C-alpha cells in the first residue's frame, strides 16, 4: 500500500472517529436536563393577598314587600329619590278595612255608653244597700227597746203594778219590732243581690269594651298596612311596581310582592365570596383594594368588616343546610364584606366588583419565585441515588434484598408517605434538593424562612423538568429560554 493511500485511510478513520465522538458527545449532552435558574433575593416588602369577586351592596338596605292584598292607588316616590324616615312611600286601597274600622269604632262607642249605664246602676245599688243597712240597724235598735219594755211589763204584771191592757200593748210593740227587723233584713239581702247583679253587668261591660278595643287594634293594623312609610333615611334604588297594579303578600320575588328597595347609600360595601382555601387567612380589619368593572382606572380603599362563618356552595346554598343534595366535595365559598372608606356617587348596588384583601405583610424577607417550590417524598431521591450497602441501613430505609415471606407486608408500604417541600439548588453543575420552610405567598414570590440564604442559585423551571428532576442530577443551565438573554453553563 502506498504512503499516500495510507494517509488518506488514516485521515478518513480519524474523521470517522471524530464524527462518532462528537455524535456521542451530543447524544450524552442531549440527555442532560436544561433548566432555568434564579437567585434567592431579599425583598424590602412582601405582601400576601386574597382576591375574590362579588357585587356592590349598601350596608343597610330594606326590600319593602307587600303587607296585604290590594290595588296600589298612590306611589309618592320614584326611583332615585332621597327620602327621610317616616316619609310616605306608597298607598294601597283600603275601602273594606277602613269601613270595618269605622264600624268597630261605632260599636265601641255603644258599649262604652252601656258601660257608663252599668256603672251608674252599680253606684245606685251601692247607695241603696247602704240605706238598707242603716234601716236594719235602726230596726234592730227598736227591737231591742221593745224587748226590754216587754220583759219589764211581764215583771210589773206579775206584781200587779200595771194592767193587763198595758202588758198587751208592750207585747204588741215587741212583735211589731221583730217583724220590722225581719223586713229590714230581707230588704238588705235584696239590695245586696241587686248590687252583685250591677257589679256583674259592670264587669261584663268592661270586658266588651276591652274586646272591642282589641278588634279596633286589629282592624287599625290592617288599615295601617295599606300605607307604607320609609323605615330609614336613604335612596329608592328599585321601584318595580306601578299605580293600578295589585300588591301580593307572602310570595318572595313574585310579581307584586317586592314593592321597592330602600338603601342607605352613606355606607357602601363590597360583598364578595372567598374560596374555602383562602378564608383562613382573612380577618376582620384587614385592608383591601376594591375595583369595579364599570368604573375603570379607579381603586377604592376598604376594610374587612364581616367574615362569614358558614360556607356557601357554588350553587348558592348554605353548606350543610340540607336544602340541596350536593356532595361534600363541591367547592365552597365564604361571604366576606369589605366596607369602602370613601364611596362615591358612581357606585350603584349590584355592580360587579373584585376585592384584593391584604392578609399579611413581611418586611426584609428572603424570597424565591413560587414556581421553584416543589414537593418530594422525604428521603426518596437520596435512596434512589445513593443505595446503602449496609444491610442494617437498607432495612432501616425500608429496602432489603431478602425475599419477603408470603402473607407479610413490608412496613414501608403500609406507612403513610411523608412529603416535604423544598427547592433544587445548583451545586457544582448538579441539582441538589434542599428542604425549605416557607412563609407567606405574594403575587409571584414566596417567603423562605429556613433552608436557603441570599444569593443561592435555584432551579426555577421548566415546570416539566421540575416534576421529574431528582437530587444530584447533572444539569445544564440555560436561562435564554427564561427571556433574560443570559446563557450559563
Protein backbone atom coordinates (compact mmCIF):
# COMPACT_ATOMS: atom_id res chain seq x y z
CA UNK A 1 0.00 0.00 0.00
CA UNK A 2 1.38 3.34 -0.99
CA UNK A 3 2.18 6.05 1.54
CA UNK A 4 -0.46 8.37 0.05
CA UNK A 5 -3.14 5.73 0.35
CA UNK A 6 -2.21 5.11 3.97
CA UNK A 7 -2.52 8.83 4.74
CA UNK A 8 -5.95 9.01 3.12
CA UNK A 9 -7.20 5.96 5.01
CA UNK A 10 -5.83 7.37 8.28
CA UNK A 11 -7.49 10.72 7.67
CA UNK A 12 -10.82 9.10 6.91
CA UNK A 13 -10.55 6.94 10.01
CA UNK A 14 -9.70 9.96 12.15
CA UNK A 15 -12.63 11.85 10.67
CA UNK A 16 -14.98 8.95 11.35
CA UNK A 17 -13.74 8.71 14.93
CA UNK A 18 -14.11 12.46 15.38
CA UNK A 19 -17.64 12.44 13.98
CA UNK A 20 -18.55 9.47 16.13
CA UNK A 21 -17.08 11.10 19.20
CA UNK A 22 -18.89 14.32 18.52
CA UNK A 23 -22.11 12.44 17.92
CA UNK A 24 -21.67 10.56 21.19
CA UNK A 25 -20.92 13.83 22.98
CA UNK A 26 -24.01 15.44 21.51
CA UNK A 27 -26.12 12.42 22.44
CA UNK A 28 -24.87 12.47 26.00
CA UNK A 29 -25.24 16.24 26.18
CA UNK A 30 -28.83 15.96 24.99
CA UNK A 31 -29.62 13.71 27.92
CA UNK A 32 -28.60 16.41 30.42
CA UNK A 33 -31.73 18.33 31.56
CA UNK A 34 -31.83 22.00 30.60
CA UNK A 35 -33.08 24.18 33.40
CA UNK A 36 -33.73 27.83 34.14
CA UNK A 37 -32.45 29.28 37.38
CA UNK A 38 -32.92 32.27 39.61
CA UNK A 39 -31.46 33.75 42.75
CA UNK A 40 -32.66 33.83 46.32
CA UNK A 41 -33.26 37.54 46.87
CA UNK A 42 -34.04 39.78 49.81
CA UNK A 43 -37.20 41.83 49.35
CA UNK A 44 -37.92 45.00 51.25
CA UNK A 45 -41.58 44.06 51.47
CA UNK A 46 -43.68 41.03 50.56
CA UNK A 47 -47.46 41.27 50.56
CA UNK A 48 -49.87 38.33 50.64
CA UNK A 49 -53.33 38.99 49.19
CA UNK A 50 -56.58 37.16 48.60
CA UNK A 51 -58.71 38.09 45.58
CA UNK A 52 -62.45 37.50 45.43
CA UNK A 53 -65.31 38.70 43.26
CA UNK A 54 -68.81 39.80 44.19
CA UNK A 55 -71.04 42.84 43.95
CA UNK A 56 -71.55 46.30 45.43
CA UNK A 57 -74.16 46.46 48.18
CA UNK A 58 -75.20 49.16 50.65
CA UNK A 59 -74.59 48.24 54.27
CA UNK A 60 -78.23 48.97 55.13
CA UNK A 61 -80.99 48.24 52.67
CA UNK A 62 -84.57 47.08 53.03
CA UNK A 63 -86.73 45.31 50.49
CA UNK A 64 -90.19 46.70 51.18
CA UNK A 65 -92.67 43.91 50.48
CA UNK A 66 -96.46 43.87 50.36
CA UNK A 67 -98.23 43.54 53.71
CA UNK A 68 -101.71 42.89 52.32
CA UNK A 69 -103.64 42.24 49.15
CA UNK A 70 -104.88 45.32 47.37
CA UNK A 71 -104.58 47.61 44.40
CA UNK A 72 -101.90 50.31 44.51
CA UNK A 73 -103.60 53.71 44.38
CA UNK A 74 -100.65 56.03 45.05
CA UNK A 75 -96.85 55.96 44.74
CA UNK A 76 -95.33 59.03 46.38
CA UNK A 77 -91.72 58.45 45.24
CA UNK A 78 -89.74 57.50 42.16
CA UNK A 79 -86.53 55.56 41.71
CA UNK A 80 -83.51 57.59 42.81
CA UNK A 81 -85.44 59.81 45.24
CA UNK A 82 -83.91 60.61 48.62
CA UNK A 83 -86.41 60.08 51.45
CA UNK A 84 -86.36 60.59 55.20
CA UNK A 85 -87.50 58.12 57.79
CA UNK A 86 -91.30 58.35 58.13
CA UNK A 87 -91.94 59.82 54.65
CA UNK A 88 -94.91 58.40 52.71
CA UNK A 89 -93.83 55.92 50.04
CA UNK A 90 -96.91 54.11 48.77
CA UNK A 91 -100.60 53.65 49.48
CA UNK A 92 -102.96 50.75 48.73
CA UNK A 93 -106.74 50.86 48.56
CA UNK A 94 -108.37 50.24 51.95
CA UNK A 95 -112.15 50.51 51.34
CA UNK A 96 -113.12 47.37 53.23
CA UNK A 97 -110.67 47.68 56.08
CA UNK A 98 -111.49 51.38 56.58
CA UNK A 99 -115.21 50.56 56.70
CA UNK A 100 -114.52 47.80 59.22
CA UNK A 101 -112.58 50.29 61.32
CA UNK A 102 -115.43 52.82 61.35
CA UNK A 103 -117.92 50.10 62.28
CA UNK A 104 -115.72 48.89 65.09
CA UNK A 105 -115.28 52.43 66.40
CA UNK A 106 -119.07 52.98 66.41
CA UNK A 107 -119.64 49.74 68.27
CA UNK A 108 -117.01 50.76 70.77
CA UNK A 109 -118.92 53.98 71.45
CA UNK A 110 -122.09 51.94 72.03
CA UNK A 111 -120.52 49.53 74.50
CA UNK A 112 -118.85 52.50 76.22
CA UNK A 113 -122.28 54.08 76.75
CA UNK A 114 -123.59 50.75 78.08
CA UNK A 115 -120.67 50.57 80.43
CA UNK A 116 -121.38 54.04 81.76
CA UNK A 117 -125.02 52.98 82.42
CA UNK A 118 -123.90 49.87 84.26
CA UNK A 119 -121.50 51.95 86.35
CA UNK A 120 -124.42 54.29 87.31
CA UNK A 121 -126.65 51.32 88.18
CA UNK A 122 -123.90 49.89 90.33
CA UNK A 123 -123.48 53.15 92.20
CA UNK A 124 -127.27 53.36 92.78
CA UNK A 125 -127.41 49.79 94.07
CA UNK A 126 -124.46 50.51 96.32
CA UNK A 127 -126.28 53.54 97.82
CA UNK A 128 -129.49 51.55 98.31
CA UNK A 129 -127.54 48.84 100.08
CA UNK A 130 -126.09 51.35 102.49
CA UNK A 131 -129.59 52.74 103.18
CA UNK A 132 -130.94 49.25 103.88
CA UNK A 133 -128.00 48.57 106.19
CA UNK A 134 -128.93 51.71 108.17
CA UNK A 135 -132.62 50.71 108.24
CA UNK A 136 -131.68 47.28 109.60
CA UNK A 137 -129.59 48.84 112.35
CA UNK A 138 -132.48 51.14 113.32
CA UNK A 139 -134.94 48.23 113.29
CA UNK A 140 -132.61 46.16 115.45
CA UNK A 141 -132.35 49.07 117.94
CA UNK A 142 -136.16 49.39 118.06
CA UNK A 143 -136.45 45.63 118.56
CA UNK A 144 -134.06 45.72 121.48
CA UNK A 145 -136.04 48.56 123.14
CA UNK A 146 -139.33 46.76 122.60
CA UNK A 147 -137.87 43.56 124.05
CA UNK A 148 -136.76 45.35 127.22
CA UNK A 149 -140.18 47.04 127.57
CA UNK A 150 -141.91 43.70 127.11
CA UNK A 151 -139.78 41.95 129.75
CA UNK A 152 -140.35 44.84 132.21
CA UNK A 153 -144.12 44.69 131.60
CA UNK A 154 -144.08 40.96 132.38
CA UNK A 155 -142.50 41.63 135.79
CA UNK A 156 -144.83 44.55 136.56
CA UNK A 157 -147.89 42.48 135.59
CA UNK A 158 -146.85 39.74 137.99
CA UNK A 159 -146.52 42.27 140.80
CA UNK A 160 -149.86 43.82 139.82
CA UNK A 161 -148.39 47.20 139.17
CA UNK A 162 -149.78 47.51 135.60
CA UNK A 163 -152.98 46.48 133.97
CA UNK A 164 -153.40 43.64 131.51
CA UNK A 165 -154.03 46.11 128.68
CA UNK A 166 -150.76 47.86 129.32
CA UNK A 167 -148.99 44.47 129.17
CA UNK A 168 -150.71 43.60 125.89
CA UNK A 169 -149.66 46.91 124.43
CA UNK A 170 -145.95 46.26 125.32
CA UNK A 171 -146.19 42.73 123.88
CA UNK A 172 -147.68 44.01 120.61
CA UNK A 173 -144.95 46.64 120.27
CA UNK A 174 -142.35 43.88 120.72
CA UNK A 175 -143.89 41.71 117.98
CA UNK A 176 -144.07 44.70 115.60
CA UNK A 177 -140.40 45.47 116.23
CA UNK A 178 -139.44 41.87 115.41
CA UNK A 179 -141.40 41.99 112.17
CA UNK A 180 -139.84 45.30 111.21
CA UNK A 181 -136.35 43.90 111.80
CA UNK A 182 -137.01 40.84 109.63
CA UNK A 183 -138.40 43.09 106.91
CA UNK A 184 -135.32 45.34 107.05
CA UNK A 185 -133.06 42.29 106.86
CA UNK A 186 -134.93 40.99 103.80
CA UNK A 187 -134.68 44.37 102.06
CA UNK A 188 -130.92 44.42 102.83
CA UNK A 189 -130.45 41.00 101.22
CA UNK A 190 -132.39 42.15 98.19
CA UNK A 191 -130.20 45.27 97.88
CA UNK A 192 -127.07 43.10 98.18
CA UNK A 193 -128.31 40.88 95.33
CA UNK A 194 -129.04 43.92 93.17
CA UNK A 195 -125.57 45.29 93.87
CA UNK A 196 -123.99 41.96 92.87
CA UNK A 197 -126.01 41.95 89.66
CA UNK A 198 -124.99 45.53 88.88
CA UNK A 199 -121.37 44.63 89.53
CA UNK A 200 -121.54 41.71 87.08
CA UNK A 201 -123.12 43.96 84.49
CA UNK A 202 -120.34 46.49 85.02
CA UNK A 203 -117.60 43.83 84.64
CA UNK A 204 -119.29 42.46 81.52
CA UNK A 205 -119.43 45.95 80.01
CA UNK A 206 -115.75 46.45 80.72
CA UNK A 207 -114.95 43.12 79.03
CA UNK A 208 -116.94 44.10 75.95
CA UNK A 209 -115.02 47.39 75.79
CA UNK A 210 -111.67 45.56 76.02
CA UNK A 211 -112.79 43.11 73.34
CA UNK A 212 -113.95 45.90 71.07
CA UNK A 213 -110.71 47.83 71.56
CA UNK A 214 -108.76 44.70 70.57
CA UNK A 215 -110.89 44.43 67.44
CA UNK A 216 -110.18 48.06 66.62
CA UNK A 217 -106.46 47.43 67.08
CA UNK A 218 -106.65 44.53 64.62
CA UNK A 219 -108.61 46.48 62.02
CA UNK A 220 -106.39 49.55 62.52
CA UNK A 221 -103.37 47.36 61.83
CA UNK A 222 -104.98 46.18 58.60
CA UNK A 223 -105.58 49.78 57.58
CA UNK A 224 -102.04 50.82 58.52
CA UNK A 225 -100.62 48.00 56.36
CA UNK A 226 -102.05 49.72 53.30
CA UNK A 227 -99.89 52.78 53.97
CA UNK A 228 -96.11 52.40 53.55
CA UNK A 229 -93.64 54.87 55.06
CA UNK A 230 -89.85 54.93 54.91
CA UNK A 231 -88.30 52.81 57.70
CA UNK A 232 -84.96 54.61 57.32
CA UNK A 233 -83.39 57.59 55.59
CA UNK A 234 -81.98 56.62 52.21
CA UNK A 235 -82.46 56.35 48.45
CA UNK A 236 -85.06 54.43 46.45
CA UNK A 237 -82.85 52.06 44.45
CA UNK A 238 -85.55 49.85 42.94
CA UNK A 239 -89.22 50.53 42.18
CA UNK A 240 -90.72 47.72 40.07
CA UNK A 241 -94.45 48.46 40.62
CA UNK A 242 -96.89 50.99 39.18
CA UNK A 243 -100.18 52.59 40.21
CA UNK A 244 -103.08 50.27 39.44
CA UNK A 245 -101.15 47.06 39.97
CA UNK A 246 -102.10 44.67 42.75
CA UNK A 247 -99.82 44.01 45.73
CA UNK A 248 -99.48 40.33 46.66
CA UNK A 249 -98.01 39.49 50.07
CA UNK A 250 -96.23 36.37 51.20
CA UNK A 251 -94.59 35.19 47.95
CA UNK A 252 -90.94 36.18 47.79
CA UNK A 253 -89.73 37.65 44.47
CA UNK A 254 -93.14 37.23 42.84
CA UNK A 255 -94.76 40.00 40.80
CA UNK A 256 -96.38 42.48 43.19
CA UNK A 257 -94.59 41.14 46.25
CA UNK A 258 -91.48 43.34 46.26
CA UNK A 259 -92.75 46.92 46.09
CA UNK A 260 -89.44 48.78 46.29
CA UNK A 261 -85.94 48.76 47.75
CA UNK A 262 -84.74 51.50 50.09
CA UNK A 263 -80.99 51.73 50.71
CA UNK A 264 -78.78 53.85 52.93
CA UNK A 265 -76.02 54.73 50.46
CA UNK A 266 -73.91 56.56 53.05
CA UNK A 267 -72.10 53.28 53.76
CA UNK A 268 -71.22 51.11 50.73
CA UNK A 269 -69.77 47.62 50.88
CA UNK A 270 -68.35 45.06 48.50
CA UNK A 271 -69.84 41.67 49.31
CA UNK A 272 -67.53 39.03 47.86
CA UNK A 273 -67.17 35.24 48.00
CA UNK A 274 -63.79 33.94 49.17
CA UNK A 275 -62.70 30.41 48.34
CA UNK A 276 -62.51 27.99 51.26
CA UNK A 277 -58.74 27.57 50.76
CA UNK A 278 -58.18 31.30 51.36
CA UNK A 279 -60.76 32.13 54.04
CA UNK A 280 -58.49 31.03 56.92
CA UNK A 281 -56.20 33.99 56.15
CA UNK A 282 -58.98 36.60 56.09
CA UNK A 283 -59.55 38.52 59.36
CA UNK A 284 -61.61 41.49 60.47
CA UNK A 285 -59.92 44.86 59.97
CA UNK A 286 -57.66 43.80 57.11
CA UNK A 287 -57.15 46.38 54.37
CA UNK A 288 -58.47 45.80 50.88
CA UNK A 289 -58.44 47.35 47.43
CA UNK A 290 -61.74 47.21 45.56
CA UNK A 291 -62.17 47.64 41.83
CA UNK A 292 -65.49 47.90 39.99
CA UNK A 293 -65.85 46.60 36.44
CA UNK A 294 -67.98 49.56 35.40
CA UNK A 295 -65.56 52.16 36.80
CA UNK A 296 -62.18 51.84 35.10
CA UNK A 297 -58.89 53.14 36.49
CA UNK A 298 -60.38 53.62 39.96
CA UNK A 299 -59.36 51.74 43.12
CA UNK A 300 -61.42 52.08 46.28
CA UNK A 301 -59.83 51.53 49.68
CA UNK A 302 -61.69 49.47 52.25
CA UNK A 303 -61.53 47.28 55.33
CA UNK A 304 -62.91 43.83 56.07
CA UNK A 305 -65.91 44.30 58.39
CA UNK A 306 -67.56 40.89 58.20
CA UNK A 307 -66.31 37.33 57.67
CA UNK A 308 -68.96 34.66 57.16
CA UNK A 309 -68.84 31.66 59.47
CA UNK A 310 -70.98 29.38 57.26
CA UNK A 311 -69.82 28.06 53.92
CA UNK A 312 -71.84 28.56 50.76
CA UNK A 313 -71.70 26.03 47.97
CA UNK A 314 -71.15 27.30 44.46
CA UNK A 315 -74.83 26.57 43.83
CA UNK A 316 -75.67 29.33 46.34
CA UNK A 317 -76.96 27.19 49.21
CA UNK A 318 -75.54 27.12 52.71
CA UNK A 319 -73.34 24.07 53.16
CA UNK A 320 -74.94 21.51 55.43
CA UNK A 321 -78.37 23.15 55.20
CA UNK A 322 -79.95 20.06 53.71
CA UNK A 323 -81.66 22.14 51.01
CA UNK A 324 -79.72 20.51 48.21
CA UNK A 325 -78.16 17.11 47.75
CA UNK A 326 -74.73 18.47 46.88
CA UNK A 327 -71.79 16.35 47.89
CA UNK A 328 -69.20 17.47 50.41
CA UNK A 329 -66.62 17.58 47.59
CA UNK A 330 -68.36 20.53 45.94
CA UNK A 331 -66.32 23.72 46.07
CA UNK A 332 -67.45 26.16 48.74
CA UNK A 333 -67.13 29.89 49.33
CA UNK A 334 -67.45 32.16 52.36
CA UNK A 335 -69.10 35.56 52.36
CA UNK A 336 -66.77 38.45 53.18
CA UNK A 337 -67.92 42.07 53.45
CA UNK A 338 -65.48 44.90 52.71
CA UNK A 339 -66.68 48.38 53.75
CA UNK A 340 -65.44 51.10 51.41
CA UNK A 341 -63.78 54.03 53.17
CA UNK A 342 -64.55 56.73 50.57
CA UNK A 343 -67.52 55.68 48.39
CA UNK A 344 -68.62 57.88 45.51
CA UNK A 345 -71.97 58.54 43.84
CA UNK A 346 -70.82 56.37 40.91
CA UNK A 347 -71.23 53.23 42.97
CA UNK A 348 -74.57 51.55 42.35
CA UNK A 349 -75.92 48.48 44.14
CA UNK A 350 -75.41 45.35 42.07
CA UNK A 351 -72.27 46.43 40.20
CA UNK A 352 -69.74 43.61 39.75
CA UNK A 353 -66.62 44.09 41.82
CA UNK A 354 -63.33 42.48 42.80
CA UNK A 355 -61.69 42.87 46.20
CA UNK A 356 -58.00 42.28 46.80
CA UNK A 357 -57.59 41.76 50.55
CA UNK A 358 -54.17 42.15 52.15
CA UNK A 359 -53.89 39.22 54.56
CA UNK A 360 -50.20 39.55 55.56
CA UNK A 361 -47.16 41.80 55.07
CA UNK A 362 -43.50 41.00 55.76
CA UNK A 363 -40.50 43.36 55.72
CA UNK A 364 -36.93 42.44 54.65
CA UNK A 365 -37.60 38.81 53.79
CA UNK A 366 -35.81 36.18 51.74
CA UNK A 367 -37.94 35.20 48.77
CA UNK A 368 -37.91 32.87 45.79
CA UNK A 369 -40.17 32.52 42.74
CA UNK A 370 -43.23 30.49 43.56
CA UNK A 371 -42.66 28.07 40.69
CA UNK A 372 -39.32 27.00 42.20
CA UNK A 373 -41.03 25.36 45.18
CA UNK A 374 -41.70 21.66 44.71
CA UNK A 375 -42.78 18.65 46.76
CA UNK A 376 -40.80 15.45 47.15
CA UNK A 377 -41.24 12.29 49.17
CA UNK A 378 -38.92 12.59 52.14
CA UNK A 379 -35.64 10.75 51.54
CA UNK A 380 -36.77 9.19 48.25
CA UNK A 381 -34.25 10.88 45.99
CA UNK A 382 -31.33 10.03 48.26
CA UNK A 383 -32.34 6.39 48.46
CA UNK A 384 -32.61 6.15 44.69
CA UNK A 385 -29.29 7.88 44.06
CA UNK A 386 -27.17 6.51 46.91
CA UNK A 387 -28.35 2.97 47.86
CA UNK A 388 -26.78 1.73 51.05
CA UNK A 389 -24.61 -1.37 51.02
CA UNK A 390 -25.16 -1.87 54.74
CA UNK A 391 -27.99 -4.41 55.31
CA UNK A 392 -28.95 -2.71 58.56
CA UNK A 393 -29.19 0.69 56.81
CA UNK A 394 -31.16 -0.89 53.99
CA UNK A 395 -33.63 -2.38 56.41
CA UNK A 396 -33.94 0.95 58.23
CA UNK A 397 -34.75 2.65 54.96
CA UNK A 398 -37.37 0.08 54.06
CA UNK A 399 -35.20 -1.67 51.40
CA UNK A 400 -33.86 -5.21 51.59
CA UNK A 401 -32.64 -7.83 49.14
CA UNK A 402 -34.06 -10.60 51.31
CA UNK A 403 -37.28 -12.08 49.88
CA UNK A 404 -40.48 -11.31 51.75
CA UNK A 405 -42.36 -14.19 53.30
CA UNK A 406 -45.71 -14.95 51.75
CA UNK A 407 -48.53 -13.23 53.58
CA UNK A 408 -46.36 -10.47 55.05
CA UNK A 409 -46.36 -6.81 54.08
CA UNK A 410 -43.37 -4.51 54.24
CA UNK A 411 -43.77 -1.70 56.83
CA UNK A 412 -42.58 0.82 54.24
CA UNK A 413 -45.66 0.05 52.13
CA UNK A 414 -48.18 0.33 54.91
CA UNK A 415 -46.79 3.51 56.43
CA UNK A 416 -48.06 6.81 55.04
CA UNK A 417 -45.58 8.52 52.72
CA UNK A 418 -44.08 11.61 54.26
CA UNK A 419 -43.61 14.55 51.93
CA UNK A 420 -41.52 17.66 52.28
CA UNK A 421 -41.33 20.88 50.30
CA UNK A 422 -38.13 22.33 49.00
CA UNK A 423 -36.18 23.62 46.02
CA UNK A 424 -33.36 22.37 43.82
CA UNK A 425 -30.19 24.35 44.42
CA UNK A 426 -27.39 24.43 41.84
CA UNK A 427 -24.13 22.96 43.21
CA UNK A 428 -21.16 22.01 41.02
CA UNK A 429 -23.33 21.58 37.93
CA UNK A 430 -25.85 19.42 39.74
CA UNK A 431 -29.36 19.97 41.10
CA UNK A 432 -29.48 19.21 44.82
CA UNK A 433 -32.86 19.05 46.59
CA UNK A 434 -32.89 21.21 49.73
CA UNK A 435 -35.91 21.22 52.12
CA UNK A 436 -37.13 24.71 52.94
CA UNK A 437 -39.67 26.25 55.30
CA UNK A 438 -41.92 28.76 53.57
CA UNK A 439 -43.89 31.71 54.88
CA UNK A 440 -46.40 33.99 53.20
CA UNK A 441 -47.07 33.99 49.46
CA UNK A 442 -47.00 37.11 47.30
CA UNK A 443 -48.08 37.55 43.69
CA UNK A 444 -45.02 35.82 42.19
CA UNK A 445 -42.73 35.20 45.17
CA UNK A 446 -42.94 33.15 48.34
CA UNK A 447 -41.17 33.84 51.63
CA UNK A 448 -38.38 31.47 52.73
CA UNK A 449 -37.95 31.08 56.48
CA UNK A 450 -35.17 28.49 56.50
CA UNK A 451 -33.08 26.29 54.21
CA UNK A 452 -31.64 28.94 51.89
CA UNK A 453 -29.52 32.07 52.01
CA UNK A 454 -29.43 35.19 49.90
CA UNK A 455 -27.72 34.71 46.54
CA UNK A 456 -28.24 30.93 46.30
CA UNK A 457 -28.92 29.82 42.73
CA UNK A 458 -32.04 27.68 42.48
CA UNK A 459 -33.84 25.87 39.68
CA UNK A 460 -37.00 27.71 38.64
CA UNK A 461 -38.03 25.78 35.52
CA UNK A 462 -39.17 24.39 33.40
CA UNK A 463 -42.25 23.01 35.14
CA UNK A 464 -41.94 19.74 33.21
CA UNK A 465 -38.30 19.37 34.28
CA UNK A 466 -39.04 20.15 37.93
CA UNK A 467 -41.69 17.43 38.04
CA UNK A 468 -39.18 14.69 37.23
CA UNK A 469 -35.90 16.19 38.47
CA UNK A 470 -34.02 14.19 41.11
CA UNK A 471 -31.34 15.27 43.52
CA UNK A 472 -27.69 15.09 42.44
CA UNK A 473 -28.78 15.05 38.79
CA UNK A 474 -26.34 16.76 36.45
CA UNK A 475 -28.00 19.75 34.81
CA UNK A 476 -27.25 22.41 32.25
CA UNK A 477 -28.36 25.96 33.00
CA UNK A 478 -29.93 27.71 30.04
CA UNK A 479 -31.62 30.95 31.00
CA UNK A 480 -32.10 32.03 27.40
CA UNK A 481 -35.50 30.34 27.47
CA UNK A 482 -36.34 32.42 30.52
CA UNK A 483 -36.09 35.52 28.34
CA UNK A 484 -33.21 37.28 30.07
CA UNK A 485 -30.73 36.77 27.26
CA UNK A 486 -28.16 35.27 29.62
CA UNK A 487 -26.69 31.85 28.96
CA UNK A 488 -24.88 29.91 31.61
CA UNK A 489 -23.19 26.53 31.51
